[in-house]
PDB file of N, CA and C in Angstrom:
ATOM      1  N   MET A   1       0.871  -1.158  -0.035  1.00  0.00           N
ATOM      2  CA  MET A   1       0.052   0.014  -0.032  1.00  0.00           C
ATOM      3  C   MET A   1       0.968   1.195   0.063  1.00  0.00           C
ATOM      4  N   ASP A   2       0.658   2.159  -0.937  1.00  0.00           N
ATOM      5  CA  ASP A   2       1.483   3.379  -0.949  1.00  0.00           C
ATOM      6  C   ASP A   2       0.801   4.462   0.000  1.00  0.00           C
ATOM      7  N   ARG A   3       1.464   5.504   0.006  1.00  0.00           N
ATOM      8  CA  ARG A   3       0.946   6.676   0.796  1.00  0.00           C
ATOM      9  C   ARG A   3      -0.591   7.189   0.408  1.00  0.00           C
ATOM     10  N   THR A   4      -0.706   7.345  -1.066  1.00  0.00           N
ATOM     11  CA  THR A   4      -2.130   7.742  -1.477  1.00  0.00           C
ATOM     12  C   THR A   4      -3.153   6.738  -0.965  1.00  0.00           C
ATOM     13  N   ASP A   5      -2.881   5.422  -1.187  1.00  0.00           N
ATOM     14  CA  ASP A   5      -3.852   4.347  -0.767  1.00  0.00           C
ATOM     15  C   ASP A   5      -4.122   4.430   0.565  1.00  0.00           C
ATOM     16  N   ALA A   6      -2.995   4.588   1.471  1.00  0.00           N
ATOM     17  CA  ALA A   6      -3.058   4.638   2.869  1.00  0.00           C
ATOM     18  C   ALA A   6      -4.009   5.744   3.388  1.00  0.00           C
ATOM     19  N   GLU A   7      -3.795   6.971   2.693  1.00  0.00           N
ATOM     20  CA  GLU A   7      -4.565   8.121   2.935  1.00  0.00           C
ATOM     21  C   GLU A   7      -6.088   7.981   2.755  1.00  0.00           C
ATOM     22  N   GLN A   8      -6.333   7.333   1.560  1.00  0.00           N
ATOM     23  CA  GLN A   8      -7.714   7.086   1.063  1.00  0.00           C
ATOM     24  C   GLN A   8      -8.317   6.072   2.055  1.00  0.00           C
ATOM     25  N   GLU A   9      -7.629   5.063   2.429  1.00  0.00           N
ATOM     26  CA  GLU A   9      -8.266   4.060   3.363  1.00  0.00           C
ATOM     27  C   GLU A   9      -8.371   4.530   4.760  1.00  0.00           C
ATOM     28  N   LEU A  10      -7.552   5.429   5.291  1.00  0.00           N
ATOM     29  CA  LEU A  10      -7.786   6.247   6.388  1.00  0.00           C
ATOM     30  C   LEU A  10      -8.999   6.912   6.388  1.00  0.00           C
ATOM     31  N   THR A  11      -9.195   7.642   5.372  1.00  0.00           N
ATOM     32  CA  THR A  11     -10.448   8.529   5.117  1.00  0.00           C
ATOM     33  C   THR A  11     -11.690   7.618   5.118  1.00  0.00           C
ATOM     34  N   ARG A  12     -11.641   6.550   4.366  1.00  0.00           N
ATOM     35  CA  ARG A  12     -12.806   5.535   4.324  1.00  0.00           C
ATOM     36  C   ARG A  12     -13.060   4.989   5.618  1.00  0.00           C
ATOM     37  N   LEU A  13     -12.187   4.649   6.397  1.00  0.00           N
ATOM     38  CA  LEU A  13     -12.326   4.017   7.832  1.00  0.00           C
ATOM     39  C   LEU A  13     -12.951   5.044   8.678  1.00  0.00           C
ATOM     40  N   ARG A  14     -12.433   6.264   8.672  1.00  0.00           N
ATOM     41  CA  ARG A  14     -12.918   7.328   9.466  1.00  0.00           C
ATOM     42  C   ARG A  14     -14.423   7.588   9.151  1.00  0.00           C
ATOM     43  N   ASP A  15     -14.700   7.661   7.878  1.00  0.00           N
ATOM     44  CA  ASP A  15     -16.128   7.833   7.458  1.00  0.00           C
ATOM     45  C   ASP A  15     -16.959   6.642   7.879  1.00  0.00           C
ATOM     46  N   ALA A  16     -16.438   5.474   7.890  1.00  0.00           N
ATOM     47  CA  ALA A  16     -17.178   4.256   8.324  1.00  0.00           C
ATOM     48  C   ALA A  16     -17.507   4.517   9.956  1.00  0.00           C
ATOM     49  N   ILE A  17     -16.541   4.923  10.623  1.00  0.00           N
ATOM     50  CA  ILE A  17     -16.663   5.186  12.059  1.00  0.00           C
ATOM     51  C   ILE A  17     -17.703   6.281  12.279  1.00  0.00           C
ATOM     52  N   ASP A  18     -17.683   7.355  11.477  1.00  0.00           N
ATOM     53  CA  ASP A  18     -18.645   8.319  11.691  1.00  0.00           C
ATOM     54  C   ASP A  18     -20.070   7.833  11.486  1.00  0.00           C
ATOM     55  N   ARG A  19     -20.327   6.887  10.619  1.00  0.00           N
ATOM     56  CA  ARG A  19     -21.617   6.095  10.360  1.00  0.00           C
ATOM     57  C   ARG A  19     -21.980   5.338  11.457  1.00  0.00           C
ATOM     58  N   VAL A  20     -21.068   4.563  11.920  1.00  0.00           N
ATOM     59  CA  VAL A  20     -21.380   3.628  13.252  1.00  0.00           C
ATOM     60  C   VAL A  20     -21.634   4.618  14.386  1.00  0.00           C
ATOM     61  N   ASP A  21     -20.897   5.660  14.607  1.00  0.00           N
ATOM     62  CA  ASP A  21     -21.258   6.521  15.644  1.00  0.00           C
ATOM     63  C   ASP A  21     -22.551   7.264  15.566  1.00  0.00           C
ATOM     64  N   GLU A  22     -23.059   7.439  14.383  1.00  0.00           N
ATOM     65  CA  GLU A  22     -24.377   7.944  14.110  1.00  0.00           C
ATOM     66  C   GLU A  22     -25.571   6.990  14.594  1.00  0.00           C
ATOM     67  N   VAL A  23     -25.289   5.622  14.237  1.00  0.00           N
ATOM     68  CA  VAL A  23     -26.175   4.579  14.644  1.00  0.00           C
ATOM     69  C   VAL A  23     -26.225   4.417  16.274  1.00  0.00           C
ATOM     70  N   ILE A  24     -24.922   4.382  16.739  1.00  0.00           N
ATOM     71  CA  ILE A  24     -24.799   4.239  18.215  1.00  0.00           C
ATOM     72  C   ILE A  24     -25.573   5.392  18.893  1.00  0.00           C
ATOM     73  N   VAL A  25     -25.488   6.547  18.486  1.00  0.00           N
ATOM     74  CA  VAL A  25     -26.238   7.740  19.055  1.00  0.00           C
ATOM     75  C   VAL A  25     -27.797   7.512  18.909  1.00  0.00           C
ATOM     76  N   ARG A  26     -28.160   7.128  17.831  1.00  0.00           N
ATOM     77  CA  ARG A  26     -29.727   6.831  17.614  1.00  0.00           C
ATOM     78  C   ARG A  26     -30.028   5.690  18.542  1.00  0.00           C
ATOM     79  N   LEU A  27     -29.326   4.700  18.697  1.00  0.00           N
ATOM     80  CA  LEU A  27     -29.615   3.521  19.568  1.00  0.00           C
ATOM     81  C   LEU A  27     -29.648   3.908  21.033  1.00  0.00           C
ATOM     82  N   LEU A  28     -28.685   4.763  21.455  1.00  0.00           N
ATOM     83  CA  LEU A  28     -28.695   5.270  22.811  1.00  0.00           C
ATOM     84  C   LEU A  28     -29.830   6.136  23.076  1.00  0.00           C
ATOM     85  N   ASN A  29     -30.246   6.946  22.116  1.00  0.00           N
ATOM     86  CA  ASN A  29     -31.459   7.753  22.360  1.00  0.00           C
ATOM     87  C   ASN A  29     -32.632   6.935  22.516  1.00  0.00           C
ATOM     88  N   GLN A  30     -32.806   5.818  21.665  1.00  0.00           N
ATOM     89  CA  GLN A  30     -33.850   4.901  21.748  1.00  0.00           C
ATOM     90  C   GLN A  30     -34.004   4.311  23.066  1.00  0.00           C
ATOM     91  N   ARG A  31     -32.660   3.824  23.505  1.00  0.00           N
ATOM     92  CA  ARG A  31     -32.585   3.116  24.928  1.00  0.00           C
ATOM     93  C   ARG A  31     -33.058   4.119  25.928  1.00  0.00           C
ATOM     94  N   ALA A  32     -32.724   5.399  25.854  1.00  0.00           N
ATOM     95  CA  ALA A  32     -33.206   6.381  26.827  1.00  0.00           C
ATOM     96  C   ALA A  32     -34.629   6.621  26.713  1.00  0.00           C
ATOM     97  N   LYS A  33     -35.225   6.635  25.621  1.00  0.00           N
ATOM     98  CA  LYS A  33     -36.803   6.558  25.520  1.00  0.00           C
ATOM     99  C   LYS A  33     -37.397   5.402  26.311  1.00  0.00           C
ATOM    100  N   TYR A  34     -36.846   4.343  25.950  1.00  0.00           N
ATOM    101  CA  TYR A  34     -37.388   3.048  26.821  1.00  0.00           C
ATOM    102  C   TYR A  34     -37.113   3.227  28.258  1.00  0.00           C
ATOM    103  N   ALA A  35     -36.047   3.811  28.730  1.00  0.00           N
ATOM    104  CA  ALA A  35     -35.876   3.971  30.130  1.00  0.00           C
ATOM    105  C   ALA A  35     -36.921   4.967  30.628  1.00  0.00           C
ATOM    106  N   ILE A  36     -37.149   6.098  29.977  1.00  0.00           N
ATOM    107  CA  ILE A  36     -38.286   7.017  30.495  1.00  0.00           C
ATOM    108  C   ILE A  36     -39.490   6.110  30.491  1.00  0.00           C
ATOM    109  N   GLU A  37     -39.998   5.267  29.512  1.00  0.00           N
ATOM    110  CA  GLU A  37     -41.249   4.606  29.524  1.00  0.00           C
ATOM    111  C   GLU A  37     -41.149   3.642  30.917  1.00  0.00           C
ATOM    112  N   ILE A  38     -40.032   3.009  31.104  1.00  0.00           N
ATOM    113  CA  ILE A  38     -39.857   2.149  32.302  1.00  0.00           C
ATOM    114  C   ILE A  38     -40.099   2.957  33.527  1.00  0.00           C
ATOM    115  N   GLY A  39     -39.520   4.148  33.448  1.00  0.00           N
ATOM    116  CA  GLY A  39     -39.640   4.935  34.815  1.00  0.00           C
ATOM    117  C   GLY A  39     -41.119   5.370  35.046  1.00  0.00           C
ATOM    118  N   GLU A  40     -41.827   5.691  34.011  1.00  0.00           N
ATOM    119  CA  GLU A  40     -43.205   5.956  34.130  1.00  0.00           C
ATOM    120  C   GLU A  40     -44.011   4.737  34.689  1.00  0.00           C
ATOM    121  N   ILE A  41     -43.734   3.599  34.291  1.00  0.00           N
ATOM    122  CA  ILE A  41     -44.389   2.348  34.664  1.00  0.00           C
ATOM    123  C   ILE A  41     -43.947   2.161  36.080  1.00  0.00           C
ATOM    124  N   LYS A  42     -42.762   2.202  36.395  1.00  0.00           N
ATOM    125  CA  LYS A  42     -42.296   2.089  37.847  1.00  0.00           C
ATOM    126  C   LYS A  42     -43.054   3.142  38.692  1.00  0.00           C
ATOM    127  N   ALA A  43     -43.256   4.258  38.396  1.00  0.00           N
ATOM    128  CA  ALA A  43     -43.994   5.208  39.123  1.00  0.00           C
ATOM    129  C   ALA A  43     -45.414   4.677  39.476  1.00  0.00           C
ATOM    130  N   VAL A  44     -46.057   4.280  38.501  1.00  0.00           N
ATOM    131  CA  VAL A  44     -47.418   3.723  38.645  1.00  0.00           C
ATOM    132  C   VAL A  44     -47.284   2.497  39.548  1.00  0.00           C
ATOM    133  N   LEU A  45     -46.262   1.651  39.492  1.00  0.00           N
ATOM    134  CA  LEU A  45     -46.141   0.458  40.328  1.00  0.00           C
ATOM    135  C   LEU A  45     -45.617   0.760  41.701  1.00  0.00           C
ATOM    136  N   ASP A  46     -45.153   2.052  41.951  1.00  0.00           N
ATOM    137  CA  ASP A  46     -44.498   2.527  43.040  1.00  0.00           C
ATOM    138  C   ASP A  46     -43.247   1.715  43.247  1.00  0.00           C
ATOM    139  N   MET A  47     -42.428   1.579  42.227  1.00  0.00           N
ATOM    140  CA  MET A  47     -41.256   0.894  42.370  1.00  0.00           C
ATOM    141  C   MET A  47     -40.066   1.915  42.343  1.00  0.00           C
ATOM    142  N   PRO A  48     -38.869   1.523  42.904  1.00  0.00           N
ATOM    143  CA  PRO A  48     -37.885   2.389  42.859  1.00  0.00           C
ATOM    144  C   PRO A  48     -37.130   2.512  41.437  1.00  0.00           C
ATOM    145  N   ILE A  49     -36.524   3.647  41.139  1.00  0.00           N
ATOM    146  CA  ILE A  49     -35.771   3.654  39.855  1.00  0.00           C
ATOM    147  C   ILE A  49     -34.573   2.721  39.872  1.00  0.00           C
ATOM    148  N   TYR A  50     -33.877   2.665  40.842  1.00  0.00           N
ATOM    149  CA  TYR A  50     -32.650   1.930  40.899  1.00  0.00           C
ATOM    150  C   TYR A  50     -33.091   0.369  41.134  1.00  0.00           C
ATOM    151  N   ALA A  51     -32.678  -0.408  40.204  1.00  0.00           N
ATOM    152  CA  ALA A  51     -32.945  -1.782  40.340  1.00  0.00           C
ATOM    153  C   ALA A  51     -31.746  -2.698  40.243  1.00  0.00           C
ATOM    154  N   PRO A  52     -30.900  -2.785  41.331  1.00  0.00           N
ATOM    155  CA  PRO A  52     -29.781  -3.402  41.239  1.00  0.00           C
ATOM    156  C   PRO A  52     -29.606  -4.801  40.694  1.00  0.00           C
ATOM    157  N   GLU A  53     -30.633  -5.605  40.930  1.00  0.00           N
ATOM    158  CA  GLU A  53     -30.604  -6.985  40.339  1.00  0.00           C
ATOM    159  C   GLU A  53     -30.723  -6.888  38.744  1.00  0.00           C
ATOM    160  N   ARG A  54     -31.572  -6.004  38.346  1.00  0.00           N
ATOM    161  CA  ARG A  54     -31.883  -5.883  36.834  1.00  0.00           C
ATOM    162  C   ARG A  54     -30.627  -5.287  36.225  1.00  0.00           C
ATOM    163  N   GLU A  55     -29.970  -4.358  36.785  1.00  0.00           N
ATOM    164  CA  GLU A  55     -28.606  -3.935  36.357  1.00  0.00           C
ATOM    165  C   GLU A  55     -27.671  -5.058  36.139  1.00  0.00           C
ATOM    166  N   LYS A  56     -27.569  -5.849  37.211  1.00  0.00           N
ATOM    167  CA  LYS A  56     -26.565  -7.009  37.263  1.00  0.00           C
ATOM    168  C   LYS A  56     -26.902  -7.875  36.047  1.00  0.00           C
ATOM    169  N   GLN A  57     -28.094  -8.157  35.844  1.00  0.00           N
ATOM    170  CA  GLN A  57     -28.612  -8.897  34.599  1.00  0.00           C
ATOM    171  C   GLN A  57     -28.158  -8.232  33.297  1.00  0.00           C
ATOM    172  N   VAL A  58     -28.413  -6.987  33.139  1.00  0.00           N
ATOM    173  CA  VAL A  58     -28.066  -6.243  31.993  1.00  0.00           C
ATOM    174  C   VAL A  58     -26.390  -6.383  31.725  1.00  0.00           C
ATOM    175  N   LEU A  59     -25.655  -6.238  32.790  1.00  0.00           N
ATOM    176  CA  LEU A  59     -24.319  -6.089  32.597  1.00  0.00           C
ATOM    177  C   LEU A  59     -23.792  -7.642  32.226  1.00  0.00           C
ATOM    178  N   LEU A  60     -24.378  -8.582  32.741  1.00  0.00           N
ATOM    179  CA  LEU A  60     -23.985  -9.956  32.508  1.00  0.00           C
ATOM    180  C   LEU A  60     -24.239 -10.237  31.077  1.00  0.00           C
ATOM    181  N   HIS A  61     -25.395  -9.787  30.602  1.00  0.00           N
ATOM    182  CA  HIS A  61     -25.887  -9.823  29.255  1.00  0.00           C
ATOM    183  C   HIS A  61     -24.985  -9.389  28.267  1.00  0.00           C
ATOM    184  N   VAL A  62     -24.595  -8.149  28.527  1.00  0.00           N
ATOM    185  CA  VAL A  62     -23.737  -7.479  27.496  1.00  0.00           C
ATOM    186  C   VAL A  62     -22.378  -7.979  27.531  1.00  0.00           C
ATOM    187  N   GLU A  63     -21.851  -8.430  28.691  1.00  0.00           N
ATOM    188  CA  GLU A  63     -20.496  -9.145  28.773  1.00  0.00           C
ATOM    189  C   GLU A  63     -20.470 -10.343  27.937  1.00  0.00           C
ATOM    190  N   ARG A  64     -21.626 -11.207  28.092  1.00  0.00           N
ATOM    191  CA  ARG A  64     -21.658 -12.396  27.312  1.00  0.00           C
ATOM    192  C   ARG A  64     -21.888 -12.209  25.862  1.00  0.00           C
ATOM    193  N   THR A  65     -22.574 -11.106  25.466  1.00  0.00           N
ATOM    194  CA  THR A  65     -22.939 -10.817  24.104  1.00  0.00           C
ATOM    195  C   THR A  65     -21.595 -10.268  23.277  1.00  0.00           C
ATOM    196  N   SER A  66     -20.670  -9.673  23.965  1.00  0.00           N
ATOM    197  CA  SER A  66     -19.434  -9.165  23.314  1.00  0.00           C
ATOM    198  C   SER A  66     -18.596 -10.374  22.905  1.00  0.00           C
ATOM    199  N   ASP A  67     -18.226 -10.358  21.552  1.00  0.00           N
ATOM    200  CA  ASP A  67     -17.313 -11.455  21.152  1.00  0.00           C
ATOM    201  C   ASP A  67     -15.945 -10.707  20.614  1.00  0.00           C
ATOM    202  N   GLY A  68     -15.740  -9.474  21.099  1.00  0.00           N
ATOM    203  CA  GLY A  68     -14.417  -8.864  20.760  1.00  0.00           C
ATOM    204  C   GLY A  68     -14.365  -7.889  19.612  1.00  0.00           C
ATOM    205  N   PRO A  69     -13.506  -7.190  19.470  1.00  0.00           N
ATOM    206  CA  PRO A  69     -12.203  -7.177  20.082  1.00  0.00           C
ATOM    207  C   PRO A  69     -12.358  -6.600  21.497  1.00  0.00           C
ATOM    208  N   LEU A  70     -13.489  -5.921  21.872  1.00  0.00           N
ATOM    209  CA  LEU A  70     -13.520  -5.400  23.290  1.00  0.00           C
ATOM    210  C   LEU A  70     -13.771  -6.491  24.135  1.00  0.00           C
ATOM    211  N   ASP A  71     -12.881  -6.472  25.271  1.00  0.00           N
ATOM    212  CA  ASP A  71     -12.943  -7.540  26.278  1.00  0.00           C
ATOM    213  C   ASP A  71     -14.417  -7.283  27.119  1.00  0.00           C
ATOM    214  N   PRO A  72     -14.707  -8.195  27.847  1.00  0.00           N
ATOM    215  CA  PRO A  72     -16.014  -8.142  28.614  1.00  0.00           C
ATOM    216  C   PRO A  72     -15.846  -7.106  29.669  1.00  0.00           C
ATOM    217  N   ALA A  73     -14.831  -6.880  30.281  1.00  0.00           N
ATOM    218  CA  ALA A  73     -14.605  -5.780  31.390  1.00  0.00           C
ATOM    219  C   ALA A  73     -14.834  -4.394  30.743  1.00  0.00           C
ATOM    220  N   THR A  74     -14.290  -4.208  29.594  1.00  0.00           N
ATOM    221  CA  THR A  74     -14.340  -3.039  28.764  1.00  0.00           C
ATOM    222  C   THR A  74     -15.975  -2.628  28.426  1.00  0.00           C
ATOM    223  N   VAL A  75     -16.662  -3.617  27.936  1.00  0.00           N
ATOM    224  CA  VAL A  75     -18.020  -3.581  27.624  1.00  0.00           C
ATOM    225  C   VAL A  75     -18.803  -3.345  28.806  1.00  0.00           C
ATOM    226  N   ARG A  76     -18.440  -3.908  30.016  1.00  0.00           N
ATOM    227  CA  ARG A  76     -19.198  -3.668  31.201  1.00  0.00           C
ATOM    228  C   ARG A  76     -18.982  -2.218  31.724  1.00  0.00           C
ATOM    229  N   ARG A  77     -17.692  -1.626  31.639  1.00  0.00           N
ATOM    230  CA  ARG A  77     -17.580  -0.321  32.073  1.00  0.00           C
ATOM    231  C   ARG A  77     -18.312   0.659  31.096  1.00  0.00           C
ATOM    232  N   LEU A  78     -18.295   0.413  29.725  1.00  0.00           N
ATOM    233  CA  LEU A  78     -19.169   1.133  28.878  1.00  0.00           C
ATOM    234  C   LEU A  78     -20.687   1.275  29.324  1.00  0.00           C
ATOM    235  N   PHE A  79     -21.197   0.034  29.509  1.00  0.00           N
ATOM    236  CA  PHE A  79     -22.692  -0.266  29.816  1.00  0.00           C
ATOM    237  C   PHE A  79     -22.881   0.342  31.292  1.00  0.00           C
ATOM    238  N   GLU A  80     -22.026   0.271  32.149  1.00  0.00           N
ATOM    239  CA  GLU A  80     -22.164   0.889  33.438  1.00  0.00           C
ATOM    240  C   GLU A  80     -22.457   2.391  33.373  1.00  0.00           C
ATOM    241  N   ARG A  81     -21.884   3.089  32.378  1.00  0.00           N
ATOM    242  CA  ARG A  81     -22.006   4.384  32.188  1.00  0.00           C
ATOM    243  C   ARG A  81     -23.318   4.711  31.533  1.00  0.00           C
ATOM    244  N   ILE A  82     -23.672   3.786  30.480  1.00  0.00           N
ATOM    245  CA  ILE A  82     -24.837   4.015  29.810  1.00  0.00           C
ATOM    246  C   ILE A  82     -26.054   3.853  30.736  1.00  0.00           C
ATOM    247  N   ILE A  83     -25.941   2.859  31.624  1.00  0.00           N
ATOM    248  CA  ILE A  83     -27.049   2.497  32.657  1.00  0.00           C
ATOM    249  C   ILE A  83     -27.087   3.826  33.599  1.00  0.00           C
ATOM    250  N   ASP A  84     -25.967   4.364  34.015  1.00  0.00           N
ATOM    251  CA  ASP A  84     -26.044   5.503  34.998  1.00  0.00           C
ATOM    252  C   ASP A  84     -26.894   6.698  34.309  1.00  0.00           C
ATOM    253  N   GLU A  85     -26.538   6.876  32.944  1.00  0.00           N
ATOM    254  CA  GLU A  85     -27.252   7.980  32.194  1.00  0.00           C
ATOM    255  C   GLU A  85     -28.728   7.591  31.978  1.00  0.00           C
ATOM    256  N   SER A  86     -29.093   6.446  31.638  1.00  0.00           N
ATOM    257  CA  SER A  86     -30.299   5.988  31.535  1.00  0.00           C
ATOM    258  C   SER A  86     -31.092   6.162  32.840  1.00  0.00           C
ATOM    259  N   ARG A  87     -30.483   5.903  33.949  1.00  0.00           N
ATOM    260  CA  ARG A  87     -31.132   6.091  35.190  1.00  0.00           C
ATOM    261  C   ARG A  87     -31.401   7.574  35.489  1.00  0.00           C
ATOM    262  N   ARG A  88     -30.353   8.411  35.114  1.00  0.00           N
ATOM    263  CA  ARG A  88     -30.619   9.897  35.353  1.00  0.00           C
ATOM    264  C   ARG A  88     -31.666  10.339  34.324  1.00  0.00           C
ATOM    265  N   VAL A  89     -31.713   9.885  33.201  1.00  0.00           N
ATOM    266  CA  VAL A  89     -32.896  10.417  32.356  1.00  0.00           C
ATOM    267  C   VAL A  89     -34.272   9.909  32.916  1.00  0.00           C
ATOM    268  N   GLU A  90     -34.297   8.775  33.362  1.00  0.00           N
ATOM    269  CA  GLU A  90     -35.489   8.129  34.005  1.00  0.00           C
ATOM    270  C   GLU A  90     -35.979   8.979  35.114  1.00  0.00           C
ATOM    271  N   ARG A  91     -34.892   9.269  36.041  1.00  0.00           N
ATOM    272  CA  ARG A  91     -35.375  10.169  37.139  1.00  0.00           C
ATOM    273  C   ARG A  91     -35.790  11.690  36.747  1.00  0.00           C
ATOM    274  N   GLN A  92     -35.109  12.125  35.804  1.00  0.00           N
ATOM    275  CA  GLN A  92     -35.456  13.399  35.365  1.00  0.00           C
ATOM    276  C   GLN A  92     -36.812  13.482  34.692  1.00  0.00           C
ATOM    277  N   ALA A  93     -37.134  12.516  34.006  1.00  0.00           N
ATOM    278  CA  ALA A  93     -38.365  12.479  33.282  1.00  0.00           C
ATOM    279  C   ALA A  93     -39.619  12.290  34.214  1.00  0.00           C
ATOM    280  N   THR A  94     -39.289  11.377  35.327  1.00  0.00           N
ATOM    281  CA  THR A  94     -40.357  11.252  36.162  1.00  0.00           C
ATOM    282  C   THR A  94     -40.230  12.057  37.590  1.00  0.00           C
ATOM    283  N   ASN A  95     -39.261  12.977  37.704  1.00  0.00           N
ATOM    284  CA  ASN A  95     -39.059  13.726  38.808  1.00  0.00           C
ATOM    285  C   ASN A  95     -39.024  12.921  40.077  1.00  0.00           C
ATOM    286  N   ARG A  96     -38.325  11.795  40.031  1.00  0.00           N
ATOM    287  CA  ARG A  96     -38.117  10.864  41.157  1.00  0.00           C
ATOM    288  C   ARG A  96     -36.770  10.746  41.343  1.00  0.00           C
ATOM    289  N   SER A  97     -36.437  10.278  42.769  1.00  0.00           N
ATOM    290  CA  SER A  97     -35.028   9.945  43.110  1.00  0.00           C
ATOM    291  C   SER A  97     -34.794   8.451  43.315  1.00  0.00           C
TER     292      SER A  97
END
């Protein structure tokens, strides 16, 4: 591969990452919408926002789902943050703690 080919490939890969990032953002926003709906249902059922057992299930599920190159611990850390933000959105939408 010469320099010109390498530069073109770099541009192609960066464009591909941009497209993947756009999909990730859409999916994260959809996940947040579901979290808001869940929060509304939990309010009706008088359930707390924080559900440690459910979070444990989600984390185990995503760890098992990942087949690399991200290792399970990395996926877990990413989803811990996603869950934290989902919980925040859920609380904010339902004005609950």
